[in-house]
Amino acid sequence: MSRPCIALIADPTSAEGCREYLATAVELLTGAPPVRIDARHFATDGSGRGVREGDRLRLRVPEEGLDLVPDVVVVYEIQPHQRQGLAAFQQLLAHHHAVTLATGTDAWRTATEKNLTVERFARDGVAQMETVVLSRPGPREAEAAFDRLGGDTWARPVIGTGGNDTFHVTTPDQLKDAAAFYAERGSDWLLSRDAENVMPDGARHQFRVFVLDGRVIHAREHIQPRTDIPCNTCQGATAIHLSPEDLPARLAELAVAATASVGLPFAGVDLAVENGGVVFEVNVHPAFVDGELELERVAVPYIQAHLDALTLARGDRPMVAPRTRAPLGRGGQLSSH
């Protein structure tokens, strides 16, 4: 089997750097780097075009001199507010039966818009903390929701990322401030009962569980010493890596169920073990941390899933990966290609 042509479509303005992990994984598995494409070219009003090439799809970005017929299309590191702009491109990929894990426009939207996630979890019986969706509520509506949820709550925007614009709300004044904050930005928001996911030493903790094709492939526990701040690594939480077998069985079951509920083939699920196990959210493009470890445990399996889909589509024998050592920069971080 010849080396496949893999298009890696990502947003180069993102600070997360997931595209570097994925590019390295492609080279480890195929012996050749991917063709990198700025995702903005295929967003609404972008210059990128997809045209039929026999029974396949040709991608063209004239201003970048790109013209290729990829065997595999990997779409990743698309920030939540930008995802809707790629819906038409995802539909194009699906229409032409492109080999990709990125064609689920409904799944992307359900996981991205947290009000839809709450509705889907309620429909499918996925455990979550009690939540009220608010859209520019008046003082009485907001206060009624706050009281109903016990006066210890978290406010978060319907569409957000990295725990930004998320607040621990425990007083009427904090509730007013949160309502004003979201109203100023024209954002609908959610108010959820606190999960009381606090350890004996006073630090908050939750889990990030990576699910691929219905199984857990990796997990982290996030420890946040500041109890009023979300347990995101980009907000200062410390990540403790766990093997799938070390994750509580209840959390593994919940993570798989939550991923299936929103309809994604791959996701990073945030959840807590308290309250019998509850899911906070499902991340379409979860960030990778700590260099080589999550390269091996998450990025490589994710790219391998694309190659397996290509093998299935072609009826070929599975590719034997070269798997040379990943190039790492100083401090164990991935180097750029």
Foldseek 3Di string as FASTA:
>chain_A
DAQFAEEEEAAPVDPLPVSLLLQLLSCQFRVDGHHYDHNQLQFVPHVWDWDDDPLFIWIDDVVVPDTGTGQAYEYFHQALVRLVRNQVVLCVCVVSVRLYQPNPSQLSVCQQQVVSLVVLCVVLVQFAFDKDKFFLDDLVVLVVRCVVLPQFKKKDFRGDPQQPLIWTGRDSVSSVVSSVVCVVVRTIMMIGRDLPQADPVGWHKKKKFKAAQLFTQWMWIWTGNPRGGDRGVVRPTDIDIDGRVPDPPQQRVSVSSSCVSSPGRIWIWIWGPGPVIHTDGTHNHDRDDDAPPCSVRPSNVNVLVSQVSSCVVVVHDRRGGNRDDFDADPPRHHDGD
